Amino acid sequence: MPETTAEPIQVVRNNQRAGDGASRRAEPSAAPALPGLDAAPGAGAEPPPPPPPHHTGHRDRLRQRFLTTGADGLQDYELLELLLFSAIPRRDVKPLAKELIREFGSLWGVVTAPPDRLRKAFNFSDATIAAITVVGAAGLRATRQQVMKRPVLAGWDALLGYCQAAMGHETTEQLRLLFLDRKNALIADEVQQRGTIDHTPAYPREIVKRALELSAHAVILVHNHPSGDASPSRDDIFMTKEIARAAQALGVVLHDHLIIARGQTTSFKALGLL
């Protein structure tokens, strides 16, 4: 038999390869997803952003109202909000401002509140306490400057306003001495004694001695009643007579004795007790 070659075998192998490639090319691709069914609703999509807090922009609006209308256009708690903005930068402070006024009775009561009470009742930091009470300190100093070195009789209402601001919200009694020169101008304002909630001591000799040291011609006694009742007690009347007697003996005039309670002022002179 004639010798055969391997060529036909090679062709078959090539055909197998070609067939394999065709087979691979003929494999169907994945079926395209039908419109509207390519993904579950919301799958892979970012969630919508949360709605902004209700107080977003409130600070800017409140500042603008203040700049446009002044303090008269704002409630007390809104003025306190403005004050709290700088101390508490990232919080809705409206509820806090209202709670502070309920606790201390008024806007002035808040800004003149004892630091210990602010710390214990509201857990405020020193920075927040300073931001609140510096306003009261600045207001009281400005009020005091309006009466110092000026005749008290010409500015009697201003003097009463200062005494109310300085003592009307105190929680313990204190005795304040206002010293006058011969023109009845206020030359010194000093707190001589601090007492308890319903009593403060007064020492006639010490009062007269201090008046002589200042070359004062007259003195006005001022003390407060934290109870809220500005009526003089029997002890108040007796003490006043003792001080007036000691002062007169050394040429010092007791001009008046004022009792300060929250929103009330009683004058011994007006009552005929001096």
Protein backbone atom coordinates (compact mmCIF):
# COMPACT_ATOMS: atom_id res chain seq x y z
CA MET A 1 0.00 0.00 0.00
CA PRO A 2 1.22 3.42 -0.80
CA GLU A 3 2.46 5.47 2.20
CA THR A 4 -0.14 7.96 3.47
CA THR A 5 0.55 11.42 4.89
CA ALA A 6 -0.71 13.06 8.06
CA GLU A 7 -2.23 16.05 6.22
CA PRO A 8 -5.90 15.00 6.49
CA ILE A 9 -5.44 14.52 10.21
CA GLN A 10 -4.10 18.09 10.49
CA VAL A 11 -7.14 19.44 8.62
CA VAL A 12 -9.45 17.67 10.99
CA ARG A 13 -7.67 19.12 13.94
CA ASN A 14 -7.85 22.60 12.41
CA ASN A 15 -11.53 22.11 11.74
CA GLN A 16 -12.01 21.12 15.37
CA ARG A 17 -10.31 24.28 16.48
CA ALA A 18 -12.41 26.38 14.12
CA GLY A 19 -15.52 24.65 15.32
CA ASP A 20 -14.56 25.24 18.90
CA GLY A 21 -14.07 28.96 18.21
CA ALA A 22 -17.38 29.18 16.37
CA SER A 23 -19.04 27.40 19.22
CA ARG A 24 -17.60 29.86 21.65
CA ARG A 25 -18.64 32.77 19.42
CA ALA A 26 -22.13 31.40 19.13
CA GLU A 27 -22.68 31.24 22.87
CA PRO A 28 -25.50 33.65 23.60
CA SER A 29 -24.70 36.65 25.82
CA ALA A 30 -26.68 37.36 28.96
CA ALA A 31 -30.16 38.50 28.14
CA PRO A 32 -30.63 42.26 28.55
CA ALA A 33 -32.74 43.31 31.49
CA LEU A 34 -36.22 44.39 30.66
CA PRO A 35 -36.93 48.10 31.01
CA GLY A 36 -38.08 48.97 34.50
CA LEU A 37 -36.91 45.66 35.94
CA ASP A 38 -33.16 46.13 35.77
CA ALA A 39 -32.86 46.95 39.52
CA ALA A 40 -34.94 46.89 42.62
CA PRO A 41 -36.40 50.27 43.58
CA GLY A 42 -33.80 52.35 45.41
CA ALA A 43 -31.07 49.76 45.01
CA GLY A 44 -27.71 51.50 44.74
CA ALA A 45 -29.22 55.00 45.02
CA GLU A 46 -28.06 57.41 47.72
CA PRO A 47 -30.71 58.15 50.38
CA PRO A 48 -32.20 61.64 50.19
CA PRO A 49 -30.61 64.20 52.54
CA PRO A 50 -32.41 64.69 55.86
CA PRO A 51 -34.58 67.77 56.10
CA PRO A 52 -32.84 70.76 57.72
CA PRO A 53 -33.56 71.39 61.42
CA HIS A 54 -36.42 73.74 62.11
CA HIS A 55 -34.00 76.30 63.55
CA THR A 56 -31.79 76.47 60.42
CA GLY A 57 -31.31 80.14 59.60
CA HIS A 58 -33.00 81.22 62.85
CA ARG A 59 -29.85 82.82 64.22
CA ASP A 60 -29.31 84.93 61.12
CA ARG A 61 -32.96 85.99 61.07
CA LEU A 62 -32.92 86.94 64.75
CA ARG A 63 -29.72 88.96 64.37
CA GLN A 64 -31.23 90.78 61.41
CA ARG A 65 -34.39 91.59 63.37
CA PHE A 66 -32.30 93.00 66.18
CA LEU A 67 -30.25 95.14 63.81
CA THR A 68 -33.41 96.35 62.07
CA THR A 69 -35.77 96.96 64.99
CA GLY A 70 -33.46 97.19 67.99
CA ALA A 71 -34.18 95.60 71.34
CA ASP A 72 -37.79 96.84 71.35
CA GLY A 73 -38.59 94.44 68.50
CA LEU A 74 -37.54 91.35 70.45
CA GLN A 75 -38.89 89.47 73.44
CA ASP A 76 -36.66 89.07 76.51
CA TYR A 77 -35.97 85.42 75.71
CA GLU A 78 -34.93 86.42 72.17
CA LEU A 79 -32.41 88.92 73.50
CA LEU A 80 -31.09 86.15 75.72
CA GLU A 81 -30.89 83.87 72.69
CA LEU A 82 -28.65 86.41 70.97
CA LEU A 83 -26.43 86.40 74.01
CA LEU A 84 -26.25 82.60 74.09
CA PHE A 85 -25.37 82.26 70.39
CA SER A 86 -21.70 83.04 70.98
CA ALA A 87 -21.44 80.88 74.10
CA ILE A 88 -23.28 77.85 72.67
CA PRO A 89 -22.59 77.81 68.92
CA ARG A 90 -24.24 74.54 67.79
CA ARG A 91 -27.56 74.15 69.54
CA ASP A 92 -31.09 75.48 69.43
CA VAL A 93 -30.95 77.77 72.47
CA LYS A 94 -34.52 79.08 72.41
CA PRO A 95 -35.83 76.50 74.93
CA LEU A 96 -32.80 77.16 77.14
CA ALA A 97 -33.35 80.93 77.06
CA LYS A 98 -36.99 80.50 78.13
CA GLU A 99 -36.02 78.11 80.91
CA LEU A 100 -33.39 80.53 82.24
CA ILE A 101 -35.92 83.34 82.46
CA ARG A 102 -38.40 81.07 84.26
CA GLU A 103 -35.70 80.07 86.73
CA PHE A 104 -34.42 83.59 87.52
CA GLY A 105 -37.59 85.60 86.98
CA SER A 106 -36.41 88.08 84.35
CA LEU A 107 -33.71 88.85 81.81
CA TRP A 108 -31.87 90.99 84.37
CA GLY A 109 -32.17 88.18 86.88
CA VAL A 110 -30.39 85.86 84.44
CA VAL A 111 -27.47 88.15 83.60
CA THR A 112 -26.93 88.99 87.29
CA ALA A 113 -27.42 85.43 88.54
CA PRO A 114 -24.80 84.01 90.92
CA PRO A 115 -22.30 81.89 88.95
CA ASP A 116 -22.76 78.97 91.36
CA ARG A 117 -26.48 78.81 90.61
CA LEU A 118 -25.88 78.86 86.86
CA ARG A 119 -23.31 76.10 87.22
CA LYS A 120 -25.41 73.85 89.46
CA ALA A 121 -28.79 74.37 87.82
CA PHE A 122 -27.69 74.27 84.18
CA ASN A 123 -24.25 72.64 84.24
CA PHE A 124 -22.77 75.60 82.37
CA SER A 125 -19.07 75.87 81.70
CA ASP A 126 -17.07 78.81 83.04
CA ALA A 127 -16.96 80.26 79.52
CA THR A 128 -20.76 80.23 79.24
CA ILE A 129 -21.21 81.68 82.73
CA ALA A 130 -18.77 84.48 81.94
CA ALA A 131 -20.53 85.25 78.63
CA ILE A 132 -23.86 85.62 80.46
CA THR A 133 -22.83 87.49 83.60
CA VAL A 134 -20.45 89.94 81.93
CA VAL A 135 -23.53 91.56 80.41
CA GLY A 136 -25.02 92.16 83.85
CA ALA A 137 -21.71 93.47 85.18
CA ALA A 138 -21.33 95.87 82.25
CA GLY A 139 -24.93 97.07 82.57
CA LEU A 140 -24.57 97.67 86.30
CA ARG A 141 -21.34 99.59 85.85
CA ALA A 142 -22.87 101.75 83.13
CA THR A 143 -25.87 102.49 85.37
CA ARG A 144 -23.57 103.36 88.27
CA GLN A 145 -21.62 105.77 86.10
CA GLN A 146 -24.84 107.67 85.45
CA VAL A 147 -25.22 108.54 89.13
CA MET A 148 -21.65 108.91 90.40
CA LYS A 149 -20.36 112.47 90.93
CA ARG A 150 -23.82 113.88 90.25
CA PRO A 151 -26.34 115.49 92.65
CA VAL A 152 -28.65 112.74 93.84
CA LEU A 153 -31.65 115.02 94.24
CA ALA A 154 -31.53 116.06 90.59
CA GLY A 155 -31.19 112.42 89.51
CA TRP A 156 -33.25 110.68 92.17
CA ASP A 157 -35.02 108.34 89.75
CA ALA A 158 -31.69 107.32 88.24
CA LEU A 159 -30.35 106.60 91.73
CA LEU A 160 -33.36 104.44 92.57
CA GLY A 161 -32.93 102.61 89.28
CA TYR A 162 -29.31 101.91 90.09
CA CYS A 163 -30.19 100.57 93.55
CA GLN A 164 -32.83 98.30 92.05
CA ALA A 165 -30.35 97.01 89.47
CA ALA A 166 -27.64 96.45 92.07
CA MET A 167 -29.72 94.91 94.86
CA GLY A 168 -33.21 94.01 93.68
CA HIS A 169 -32.30 90.43 92.75
CA GLU A 170 -29.91 89.68 95.59
CA THR A 171 -30.80 86.51 97.49
CA THR A 172 -29.30 87.67 100.80
CA GLU A 173 -29.53 91.00 102.58
CA GLN A 174 -26.79 93.57 102.18
CA LEU A 175 -26.22 97.07 103.48
CA ARG A 176 -25.02 99.63 100.94
CA LEU A 177 -23.78 103.10 101.87
CA LEU A 178 -24.02 106.04 99.49
CA PHE A 179 -21.80 108.95 100.59
CA LEU A 180 -22.58 112.52 99.52
CA ASP A 181 -20.57 115.71 99.54
CA ARG A 182 -21.91 119.13 100.57
CA LYS A 183 -23.55 119.56 97.16
CA ASN A 184 -25.29 116.19 97.61
CA ALA A 185 -23.23 114.68 94.81
CA LEU A 186 -22.54 110.97 95.16
CA ILE A 187 -18.84 110.53 95.95
CA ALA A 188 -18.71 106.88 97.05
CA ASP A 189 -20.83 103.75 96.80
CA GLU A 190 -19.85 100.87 99.08
CA VAL A 191 -21.35 97.64 100.34
CA GLN A 192 -20.55 97.61 104.05
CA GLN A 193 -22.19 94.39 105.20
CA ARG A 194 -23.65 91.19 103.78
CA GLY A 195 -26.00 89.10 105.87
CA THR A 196 -28.50 86.28 105.59
CA ILE A 197 -31.77 86.00 103.73
CA ASP A 198 -33.57 88.15 106.32
CA HIS A 199 -30.94 90.00 108.33
CA THR A 200 -27.82 92.06 107.87
CA PRO A 201 -25.87 93.70 110.70
CA ALA A 202 -25.32 97.46 110.82
CA TYR A 203 -22.73 99.15 113.02
CA PRO A 204 -23.42 102.88 113.53
CA ARG A 205 -19.84 103.70 114.61
CA GLU A 206 -18.36 102.02 111.53
CA ILE A 207 -20.75 103.86 109.23
CA VAL A 208 -19.95 107.27 110.72
CA LYS A 209 -16.22 106.51 110.80
CA ARG A 210 -16.24 105.71 107.10
CA ALA A 211 -18.17 108.90 106.33
CA LEU A 212 -15.53 110.97 108.14
CA GLU A 213 -12.72 109.16 106.27
CA LEU A 214 -14.32 110.18 102.97
CA SER A 215 -15.08 113.74 104.17
CA ALA A 216 -18.70 113.02 103.40
CA HIS A 217 -21.37 115.48 104.45
CA ALA A 218 -24.27 113.02 104.26
CA VAL A 219 -25.02 109.34 103.81
CA ILE A 220 -27.89 107.33 102.36
CA LEU A 221 -28.46 103.85 103.78
CA VAL A 222 -29.71 101.23 101.32
CA HIS A 223 -30.56 97.66 102.16
CA ASN A 224 -32.59 95.00 100.42
CA HIS A 225 -35.35 92.59 101.40
CA PRO A 226 -34.99 89.35 99.39
CA SER A 227 -38.50 88.37 100.53
CA GLY A 228 -39.92 90.87 98.04
CA ASP A 229 -41.66 93.01 100.71
CA ALA A 230 -40.14 96.48 100.96
CA SER A 231 -41.98 97.39 104.17
CA PRO A 232 -39.65 98.40 107.04
CA SER A 233 -39.49 96.09 110.01
CA ARG A 234 -39.27 97.25 113.63
CA ASP A 235 -35.58 96.32 113.60
CA ASP A 236 -35.07 98.44 110.46
CA ILE A 237 -36.70 101.46 112.17
CA PHE A 238 -34.71 101.03 115.37
CA MET A 239 -31.40 100.61 113.52
CA THR A 240 -32.07 103.72 111.43
CA LYS A 241 -32.67 105.86 114.51
CA GLU A 242 -29.45 104.62 116.09
CA ILE A 243 -27.40 105.45 112.99
CA ALA A 244 -29.02 108.87 112.63
CA ARG A 245 -28.20 109.69 116.27
CA ALA A 246 -24.56 108.62 115.93
CA ALA A 247 -24.12 110.50 112.64
CA GLN A 248 -25.68 113.73 113.93
CA ALA A 249 -23.30 113.74 116.91
CA LEU A 250 -20.37 114.03 114.51
CA GLY A 251 -21.93 116.40 111.99
CA VAL A 252 -22.94 113.82 109.38
CA VAL A 253 -26.48 113.91 107.96
CA LEU A 254 -28.45 110.72 107.40
CA HIS A 255 -30.20 111.82 104.22
CA ASP A 256 -32.46 108.75 103.78
CA HIS A 257 -32.78 105.03 104.26
CA LEU A 258 -34.03 103.05 101.27
CA ILE A 259 -35.36 99.50 101.35
CA ILE A 260 -35.11 97.69 98.02
CA ALA A 261 -37.20 94.70 97.06
CA ARG A 262 -37.75 93.31 93.58
CA GLY A 263 -39.62 96.10 91.77
CA GLN A 264 -40.30 98.03 95.02
CA THR A 265 -38.54 100.82 96.87
CA THR A 266 -39.46 102.31 100.24
CA SER A 267 -38.03 105.65 101.49
CA PHE A 268 -37.89 106.30 105.24
CA LYS A 269 -37.97 110.03 104.55
CA ALA A 270 -41.10 109.68 102.43
CA LEU A 271 -42.74 107.68 105.23
CA GLY A 272 -41.86 110.35 107.81
CA LEU A 273 -39.52 108.01 109.65
CA LEU A 274 -36.56 110.42 109.29
